[in-house]
Amino acid sequence: MTETLYGWMRNLACYFIFLSAVMHFLPDNNYKKYIQFYMGLLLILLLLSPVLDFLHLENKIDAGVDRYMEEEERDREEWEDYAREIEEEYGWSKEGSSPETEQQQEDNSLQEGAVGP
């Protein structure tokens, strides 16, 4: 228990040293409010870390993020498969126009009254 408390306080001390160093080395005050905003978010995470550790929420959050990433990967693969099916169905290719589409374009231009080569 004291080891975790000591680690938490050490993290807070490092945070405040880092914050003061960053604020000191800013070239001008244009970005000060943005730096303070993100450093405030980091401070909130540091303050909540003992609670997250105690409730084992970190593991649950990691598992949820992993599950979400797997679902997104599956969805992306499904969309890629669907795009391949559409390309095959209509004779499209990613490399450029295929001979079939060139012939279709030539036929369309002849039908519209354009003069062929």
C-alpha atoms as a PDB file:
ATOM      1  CA  MET A   1       0.000   0.000   0.000  1.00  0.00           C
ATOM      2  CA  THR A   2       2.739   2.477   0.912  1.00  0.00           C
ATOM      3  CA  GLU A   3       4.665   1.506  -2.223  1.00  0.00           C
ATOM      4  CA  THR A   4       1.720   2.419  -4.456  1.00  0.00           C
ATOM      5  CA  LEU A   5       1.167   5.666  -2.552  1.00  0.00           C
ATOM      6  CA  TYR A   6       4.854   6.513  -2.872  1.00  0.00           C
ATOM      7  CA  GLY A   7       4.755   5.783  -6.630  1.00  0.00           C
ATOM      8  CA  TRP A   8       1.654   7.921  -7.055  1.00  0.00           C
ATOM      9  CA  MET A   9       3.232  10.863  -5.240  1.00  0.00           C
ATOM     10  CA  ARG A  10       6.439  10.440  -7.264  1.00  0.00           C
ATOM     11  CA  ASN A  11       4.375  10.570 -10.486  1.00  0.00           C
ATOM     12  CA  LEU A  12       2.654  13.755  -9.314  1.00  0.00           C
ATOM     13  CA  ALA A  13       6.002  15.359  -8.444  1.00  0.00           C
ATOM     14  CA  CYS A  14       7.391  14.468 -11.886  1.00  0.00           C
ATOM     15  CA  TYR A  15       4.247  15.859 -13.479  1.00  0.00           C
ATOM     16  CA  PHE A  16       4.600  19.234 -11.756  1.00  0.00           C
ATOM     17  CA  ILE A  17       8.303  19.437 -12.618  1.00  0.00           C
ATOM     18  CA  PHE A  18       7.494  18.640 -16.250  1.00  0.00           C
ATOM     19  CA  LEU A  19       4.623  21.156 -16.280  1.00  0.00           C
ATOM     20  CA  SER A  20       6.762  23.973 -14.927  1.00  0.00           C
ATOM     21  CA  ALA A  21       9.560  23.150 -17.397  1.00  0.00           C
ATOM     22  CA  VAL A  22       7.172  23.159 -20.359  1.00  0.00           C
ATOM     23  CA  MET A  23       5.516  26.403 -19.276  1.00  0.00           C
ATOM     24  CA  HIS A  24       8.921  28.020 -18.706  1.00  0.00           C
ATOM     25  CA  PHE A  25      10.286  27.104 -22.148  1.00  0.00           C
ATOM     26  CA  LEU A  26       7.270  28.199 -24.184  1.00  0.00           C
ATOM     27  CA  PRO A  27       8.446  30.806 -26.708  1.00  0.00           C
ATOM     28  CA  ASP A  28       5.306  32.919 -26.373  1.00  0.00           C
ATOM     29  CA  ASN A  29       1.938  32.739 -24.682  1.00  0.00           C
ATOM     30  CA  ASN A  30      -0.060  31.845 -27.811  1.00  0.00           C
ATOM     31  CA  TYR A  31      -0.129  28.147 -26.951  1.00  0.00           C
ATOM     32  CA  LYS A  32      -0.306  28.524 -23.179  1.00  0.00           C
ATOM     33  CA  LYS A  33      -4.017  27.769 -22.874  1.00  0.00           C
ATOM     34  CA  TYR A  34      -3.717  24.628 -25.034  1.00  0.00           C
ATOM     35  CA  ILE A  35      -0.750  23.333 -23.052  1.00  0.00           C
ATOM     36  CA  GLN A  36      -2.595  24.003 -19.799  1.00  0.00           C
ATOM     37  CA  PHE A  37      -5.690  22.202 -21.106  1.00  0.00           C
ATOM     38  CA  TYR A  38      -3.831  19.024 -22.060  1.00  0.00           C
ATOM     39  CA  MET A  39      -1.692  19.117 -18.957  1.00  0.00           C
ATOM     40  CA  GLY A  40      -4.922  19.420 -16.939  1.00  0.00           C
ATOM     41  CA  LEU A  41      -6.256  16.285 -18.633  1.00  0.00           C
ATOM     42  CA  LEU A  42      -3.026  14.511 -17.774  1.00  0.00           C
ATOM     43  CA  LEU A  43      -3.327  15.674 -14.163  1.00  0.00           C
ATOM     44  CA  ILE A  44      -6.856  14.264 -13.960  1.00  0.00           C
ATOM     45  CA  LEU A  45      -5.571  10.902 -15.205  1.00  0.00           C
ATOM     46  CA  LEU A  46      -2.746  10.967 -12.668  1.00  0.00           C
ATOM     47  CA  LEU A  47      -5.123  11.796  -9.837  1.00  0.00           C
ATOM     48  CA  LEU A  48      -7.527   9.030 -10.855  1.00  0.00           C
ATOM     49  CA  SER A  49      -4.857   6.370 -11.362  1.00  0.00           C
ATOM     50  CA  PRO A  50      -5.105   4.956  -7.792  1.00  0.00           C
ATOM     51  CA  VAL A  51      -8.889   4.658  -8.162  1.00  0.00           C
ATOM     52  CA  LEU A  52      -8.489   2.959 -11.546  1.00  0.00           C
ATOM     53  CA  ASP A  53      -5.939   0.555 -10.089  1.00  0.00           C
ATOM     54  CA  PHE A  54      -8.089  -0.221  -7.049  1.00  0.00           C
ATOM     55  CA  LEU A  55     -11.202  -0.963  -9.108  1.00  0.00           C
ATOM     56  CA  HIS A  56      -9.212  -2.752 -11.837  1.00  0.00           C
ATOM     57  CA  LEU A  57     -10.829  -0.445 -14.366  1.00  0.00           C
ATOM     58  CA  GLU A  58      -7.633  -0.199 -16.367  1.00  0.00           C
ATOM     59  CA  ASN A  59      -7.945  -3.846 -17.398  1.00  0.00           C
ATOM     60  CA  LYS A  60     -11.608  -3.372 -18.287  1.00  0.00           C
ATOM     61  CA  ILE A  61     -10.820  -0.267 -20.335  1.00  0.00           C
ATOM     62  CA  ASP A  62      -8.002  -2.071 -22.151  1.00  0.00           C
ATOM     63  CA  ALA A  63     -10.284  -5.008 -22.906  1.00  0.00           C
ATOM     64  CA  GLY A  64     -12.986  -2.674 -24.214  1.00  0.00           C
ATOM     65  CA  VAL A  65     -10.535  -0.838 -26.448  1.00  0.00           C
ATOM     66  CA  ASP A  66      -9.158  -4.137 -27.769  1.00  0.00           C
ATOM     67  CA  ARG A  67     -12.683  -5.384 -28.491  1.00  0.00           C
ATOM     68  CA  TYR A  68     -13.530  -2.144 -30.291  1.00  0.00           C
ATOM     69  CA  MET A  69     -10.348  -2.322 -32.388  1.00  0.00           C
ATOM     70  CA  GLU A  70     -11.121  -5.925 -33.373  1.00  0.00           C
ATOM     71  CA  GLU A  71     -14.645  -4.918 -34.444  1.00  0.00           C
ATOM     72  CA  GLU A  72     -13.276  -2.033 -36.490  1.00  0.00           C
ATOM     73  CA  GLU A  73     -10.749  -4.337 -38.160  1.00  0.00           C
ATOM     74  CA  ARG A  74     -13.519  -6.815 -39.021  1.00  0.00           C
ATOM     75  CA  ASP A  75     -15.683  -4.023 -40.437  1.00  0.00           C
ATOM     76  CA  ARG A  76     -12.774  -2.713 -42.513  1.00  0.00           C
ATOM     77  CA  GLU A  77     -12.104  -6.202 -43.908  1.00  0.00           C
ATOM     78  CA  GLU A  78     -15.792  -6.645 -44.750  1.00  0.00           C
ATOM     79  CA  TRP A  79     -15.844  -3.327 -46.608  1.00  0.00           C
ATOM     80  CA  GLU A  80     -12.672  -4.238 -48.502  1.00  0.00           C
ATOM     81  CA  ASP A  81     -14.217  -7.571 -49.516  1.00  0.00           C
ATOM     82  CA  TYR A  82     -17.376  -5.782 -50.615  1.00  0.00           C
ATOM     83  CA  ALA A  83     -15.326  -3.282 -52.640  1.00  0.00           C
ATOM     84  CA  ARG A  84     -13.445  -6.154 -54.324  1.00  0.00           C
ATOM     85  CA  GLU A  85     -16.760  -7.830 -55.210  1.00  0.00           C
ATOM     86  CA  ILE A  86     -18.043  -4.602 -56.754  1.00  0.00           C
ATOM     87  CA  GLU A  87     -14.793  -4.127 -58.693  1.00  0.00           C
ATOM     88  CA  GLU A  88     -14.981  -7.666 -60.020  1.00  0.00           C
ATOM     89  CA  GLU A  89     -18.670  -7.342 -60.861  1.00  0.00           C
ATOM     90  CA  TYR A  90     -18.195  -4.177 -62.902  1.00  0.00           C
ATOM     91  CA  GLY A  91     -14.704  -4.970 -64.186  1.00  0.00           C
ATOM     92  CA  TRP A  92     -13.024  -2.098 -62.389  1.00  0.00           C
ATOM     93  CA  SER A  93      -9.438  -2.300 -61.276  1.00  0.00           C
ATOM     94  CA  LYS A  94      -7.340  -0.199 -58.925  1.00  0.00           C
ATOM     95  CA  GLU A  95      -4.407  -0.055 -61.367  1.00  0.00           C
ATOM     96  CA  GLY A  96      -6.315   2.028 -63.861  1.00  0.00           C
ATOM     97  CA  SER A  97      -8.818   1.393 -66.588  1.00  0.00           C
ATOM     98  CA  SER A  98      -9.120  -2.105 -67.921  1.00  0.00           C
ATOM     99  CA  PRO A  99      -9.479  -2.971 -71.608  1.00  0.00           C
ATOM    100  CA  GLU A 100     -13.190  -3.607 -71.014  1.00  0.00           C
ATOM    101  CA  THR A 101     -13.804  -0.119 -69.638  1.00  0.00           C
ATOM    102  CA  GLU A 102     -11.723   1.456 -72.420  1.00  0.00           C
ATOM    103  CA  GLN A 103     -13.874  -0.372 -74.985  1.00  0.00           C
ATOM    104  CA  GLN A 104     -17.045   0.791 -73.210  1.00  0.00           C
ATOM    105  CA  GLN A 105     -15.816   4.385 -73.200  1.00  0.00           C
ATOM    106  CA  GLU A 106     -15.003   4.173 -76.912  1.00  0.00           C
ATOM    107  CA  ASP A 107     -18.430   2.695 -77.678  1.00  0.00           C
ATOM    108  CA  ASN A 108     -20.133   5.433 -75.649  1.00  0.00           C
ATOM    109  CA  SER A 109     -18.212   8.180 -77.428  1.00  0.00           C
ATOM    110  CA  LEU A 110     -19.123   6.678 -80.846  1.00  0.00           C
ATOM    111  CA  GLN A 111     -22.776   6.526 -79.854  1.00  0.00           C
ATOM    112  CA  GLU A 112     -22.680  10.193 -78.861  1.00  0.00           C
ATOM    113  CA  GLY A 113     -21.477  11.139 -82.316  1.00  0.00           C
ATOM    114  CA  ALA A 114     -17.772  11.537 -81.657  1.00  0.00           C
ATOM    115  CA  VAL A 115     -15.402  10.485 -84.399  1.00  0.00           C
ATOM    116  CA  GLY A 116     -13.285   7.437 -83.637  1.00  0.00           C
ATOM    117  CA  PRO A 117      -9.566   7.094 -84.481  1.00  0.00           C
END
